[in-house]
Amino acid sequence: MQVDKPNREPLSERDHQALQQLRQQIEQTIACGSISRKQHTAILAQIYADGVVTEQECKLFRLMQEKIWCGDLYIEP
């Protein structure tokens, strides 16, 4: 199903760079196989930093959550 979002503005260069940093951080965390509470908090802080959570940020965070749920990403105590 395709969802039409006519009011969505294209990402600014700053937002695009922030998204790339978030993607890189999440991909590195997944590749490592574990995530600390501190890393998890830092990722959430990065997502909420500008006060707006984009669709792309949600997708990246959900990917990380799915890896945790499936056991592919271990949360360190």
Protein backbone atom coordinates (compact mmCIF):
# COMPACT_ATOMS: atom_id res chain seq x y z
CA MET A 1 0.00 0.00 0.00
CA GLN A 2 1.35 3.40 -0.94
CA VAL A 3 0.70 6.26 1.45
CA ASP A 4 0.48 9.72 -0.07
CA LYS A 5 2.07 12.47 2.01
CA PRO A 6 1.44 15.67 0.05
CA ASN A 7 2.58 18.01 2.84
CA ARG A 8 5.94 16.35 3.32
CA GLU A 9 8.80 18.66 2.49
CA PRO A 10 12.07 17.34 1.09
CA LEU A 11 14.88 16.94 3.62
CA SER A 12 17.23 19.86 4.03
CA GLU A 13 20.96 19.28 3.64
CA ARG A 14 21.33 19.43 7.42
CA ASP A 15 18.53 16.89 7.94
CA HIS A 16 20.00 14.65 5.26
CA GLN A 17 23.40 14.69 6.99
CA ALA A 18 21.80 13.94 10.36
CA LEU A 19 19.90 11.04 8.81
CA GLN A 20 23.11 9.67 7.28
CA GLN A 21 24.84 9.88 10.68
CA LEU A 22 21.94 8.08 12.33
CA ARG A 23 21.94 5.39 9.63
CA GLN A 24 25.69 4.90 10.05
CA GLN A 25 25.40 4.69 13.84
CA ILE A 26 22.57 2.13 13.69
CA GLU A 27 24.31 0.05 11.02
CA GLN A 28 27.52 -0.04 13.08
CA THR A 29 25.56 -1.05 16.17
CA ILE A 30 23.83 -3.87 14.28
CA ALA A 31 27.15 -5.03 12.80
CA CYS A 32 28.65 -5.13 16.32
CA GLY A 33 25.83 -7.39 17.50
CA SER A 34 25.22 -5.64 20.81
CA ILE A 35 24.02 -2.29 22.09
CA SER A 36 24.54 -0.67 25.46
CA ARG A 37 21.88 1.34 27.26
CA LYS A 38 24.09 4.39 26.71
CA GLN A 39 24.20 3.78 22.93
CA HIS A 40 20.43 3.24 22.85
CA THR A 41 19.87 6.52 24.71
CA ALA A 42 22.27 8.34 22.36
CA ILE A 43 20.41 7.06 19.30
CA LEU A 44 17.07 8.19 20.74
CA ALA A 45 18.55 11.59 21.60
CA GLN A 46 19.78 11.94 18.03
CA ILE A 47 16.33 11.09 16.67
CA TYR A 48 14.59 13.60 18.95
CA ALA A 49 17.28 16.30 18.72
CA ASP A 50 15.43 18.57 16.28
CA GLY A 51 11.99 17.97 17.78
CA VAL A 52 10.73 16.26 14.62
CA VAL A 53 10.84 12.51 14.01
CA THR A 54 10.90 11.78 10.28
CA GLU A 55 9.57 8.71 8.54
CA GLN A 56 13.14 7.70 7.67
CA GLU A 57 14.26 7.98 11.29
CA CYS A 58 11.32 5.81 12.35
CA LYS A 59 12.25 3.17 9.76
CA LEU A 60 15.86 3.07 10.95
CA PHE A 61 14.84 2.80 14.60
CA ARG A 62 12.31 0.10 13.79
CA LEU A 63 15.02 -1.87 11.97
CA MET A 64 17.13 -1.76 15.12
CA GLN A 65 14.14 -2.79 17.27
CA GLU A 66 13.41 -5.74 14.99
CA LYS A 67 17.02 -6.91 15.31
CA ILE A 68 16.65 -6.78 19.10
CA TRP A 69 13.33 -8.65 19.03
CA CYS A 70 14.75 -11.36 16.75
CA GLY A 71 17.82 -11.80 18.94
CA ASP A 72 20.24 -10.54 16.30
CA LEU A 73 21.12 -7.52 18.48
CA TYR A 74 21.88 -8.09 22.15
CA ILE A 75 21.16 -5.39 24.76
CA GLU A 76 24.04 -5.23 27.20
CA PRO A 77 23.02 -5.16 30.87
